[in-house]
C-alpha atoms as a PDB file:
ATOM      1  CA  UNK A   1     123.558   3.725  46.713  1.00  0.00           C
ATOM      2  CA  UNK A   2     123.378   0.890  49.153  1.00  0.00           C
ATOM      3  CA  UNK A   3     123.211   1.895  52.787  1.00  0.00           C
ATOM      4  CA  UNK A   4     126.388   0.038  53.795  1.00  0.00           C
ATOM      5  CA  UNK A   5     128.379   0.654  50.610  1.00  0.00           C
ATOM      6  CA  UNK A   6     132.023   1.651  50.978  1.00  0.00           C
ATOM      7  CA  UNK A   7     134.064   2.711  47.986  1.00  0.00           C
ATOM      8  CA  UNK A   8     137.330   1.086  46.991  1.00  0.00           C
ATOM      9  CA  UNK A   9     139.201   4.163  48.177  1.00  0.00           C
ATOM     10  CA  UNK A  10     137.560   4.020  51.619  1.00  0.00           C
ATOM     11  CA  UNK A  11     138.379   0.342  51.941  1.00  0.00           C
ATOM     12  CA  UNK A  12     141.976   1.000  50.906  1.00  0.00           C
ATOM     13  CA  UNK A  13     142.384   3.811  53.457  1.00  0.00           C
ATOM     14  CA  UNK A  14     140.907   1.683  56.235  1.00  0.00           C
ATOM     15  CA  UNK A  15     143.192  -1.250  55.415  1.00  0.00           C
ATOM     16  CA  UNK A  16     146.210   1.067  55.136  1.00  0.00           C
ATOM     17  CA  UNK A  17     145.505   2.605  58.540  1.00  0.00           C
ATOM     18  CA  UNK A  18     145.055  -0.857  60.005  1.00  0.00           C
ATOM     19  CA  UNK A  19     148.415  -2.038  58.657  1.00  0.00           C
ATOM     20  CA  UNK A  20     150.173   1.288  59.472  1.00  0.00           C
ATOM     21  CA  UNK A  21     148.787   2.421  62.859  1.00  0.00           C
ATOM     22  CA  UNK A  22     151.310   5.260  63.185  1.00  0.00           C
ATOM     23  CA  UNK A  23     150.269   7.068  60.005  1.00  0.00           C
ATOM     24  CA  UNK A  24     147.970   9.603  61.704  1.00  0.00           C
ATOM     25  CA  UNK A  25     150.652  10.510  64.250  1.00  0.00           C
ATOM     26  CA  UNK A  26     153.185  11.027  61.448  1.00  0.00           C
ATOM     27  CA  UNK A  27     150.670  13.227  59.606  1.00  0.00           C
ATOM     28  CA  UNK A  28     150.237  15.391  62.709  1.00  0.00           C
ATOM     29  CA  UNK A  29     154.012  15.691  63.116  1.00  0.00           C
ATOM     30  CA  UNK A  30     154.407  16.691  59.470  1.00  0.00           C
ATOM     31  CA  UNK A  31     151.674  19.286  59.772  1.00  0.00           C
ATOM     32  CA  UNK A  32     153.207  20.785  62.905  1.00  0.00           C
ATOM     33  CA  UNK A  33     156.608  20.906  61.220  1.00  0.00           C
ATOM     34  CA  UNK A  34     155.256  22.842  58.238  1.00  0.00           C
ATOM     35  CA  UNK A  35     152.181  24.798  59.364  1.00  0.00           C
ATOM     36  CA  UNK A  36     151.709  25.061  63.124  1.00  0.00           C
ATOM     37  CA  UNK A  37     154.181  27.849  63.860  1.00  0.00           C
ATOM     38  CA  UNK A  38     153.892  30.590  66.465  1.00  0.00           C
ATOM     39  CA  UNK A  39     153.068  33.937  64.858  1.00  0.00           C
ATOM     40  CA  UNK A  40     155.022  37.089  65.687  1.00  0.00           C
ATOM     41  CA  UNK A  41     152.448  39.824  66.492  1.00  0.00           C
ATOM     42  CA  UNK A  42     154.812  42.654  65.465  1.00  0.00           C
ATOM     43  CA  UNK A  43     155.515  41.010  62.122  1.00  0.00           C
ATOM     44  CA  UNK A  44     151.789  40.450  61.545  1.00  0.00           C
ATOM     45  CA  UNK A  45     151.104  44.125  62.289  1.00  0.00           C
ATOM     46  CA  UNK A  46     153.768  45.127  59.766  1.00  0.00           C
ATOM     47  CA  UNK A  47     152.108  42.930  57.127  1.00  0.00           C
ATOM     48  CA  UNK A  48     148.753  44.537  57.891  1.00  0.00           C
ATOM     49  CA  UNK A  49     150.152  48.073  57.555  1.00  0.00           C
ATOM     50  CA  UNK A  50     151.989  47.264  54.306  1.00  0.00           C
ATOM     51  CA  UNK A  51     148.869  45.945  52.624  1.00  0.00           C
ATOM     52  CA  UNK A  52     147.886  47.738  49.419  1.00  0.00           C
ATOM     53  CA  UNK A  53     144.166  48.031  48.770  1.00  0.00           C
ATOM     54  CA  UNK A  54     142.945  46.451  45.566  1.00  0.00           C
ATOM     55  CA  UNK A  55     140.700  48.308  43.144  1.00  0.00           C
ATOM     56  CA  UNK A  56     137.190  46.927  42.646  1.00  0.00           C
ATOM     57  CA  UNK A  57     137.993  46.053  39.039  1.00  0.00           C
ATOM     58  CA  UNK A  58     141.673  45.172  38.796  1.00  0.00           C
ATOM     59  CA  UNK A  59     141.877  45.062  34.989  1.00  0.00           C
ATOM     60  CA  UNK A  60     140.701  48.645  34.449  1.00  0.00           C
ATOM     61  CA  UNK A  61     143.369  51.002  33.091  1.00  0.00           C
ATOM     62  CA  UNK A  62     143.668  54.420  34.637  1.00  0.00           C
END
């Protein structure tokens, strides 16, 4: 490939970000709304204790 080649997708993303400068901030807000939540240590400990160990070969009948 040429040293300074940029794909059509890369060019589109660059032009989109240039015409919509707030897009990265909106992405961060969306991520924080869905994923960046404080974890409850007691709840996490309960999940850890309730975990059931998986057999090495899960499809084997006993």
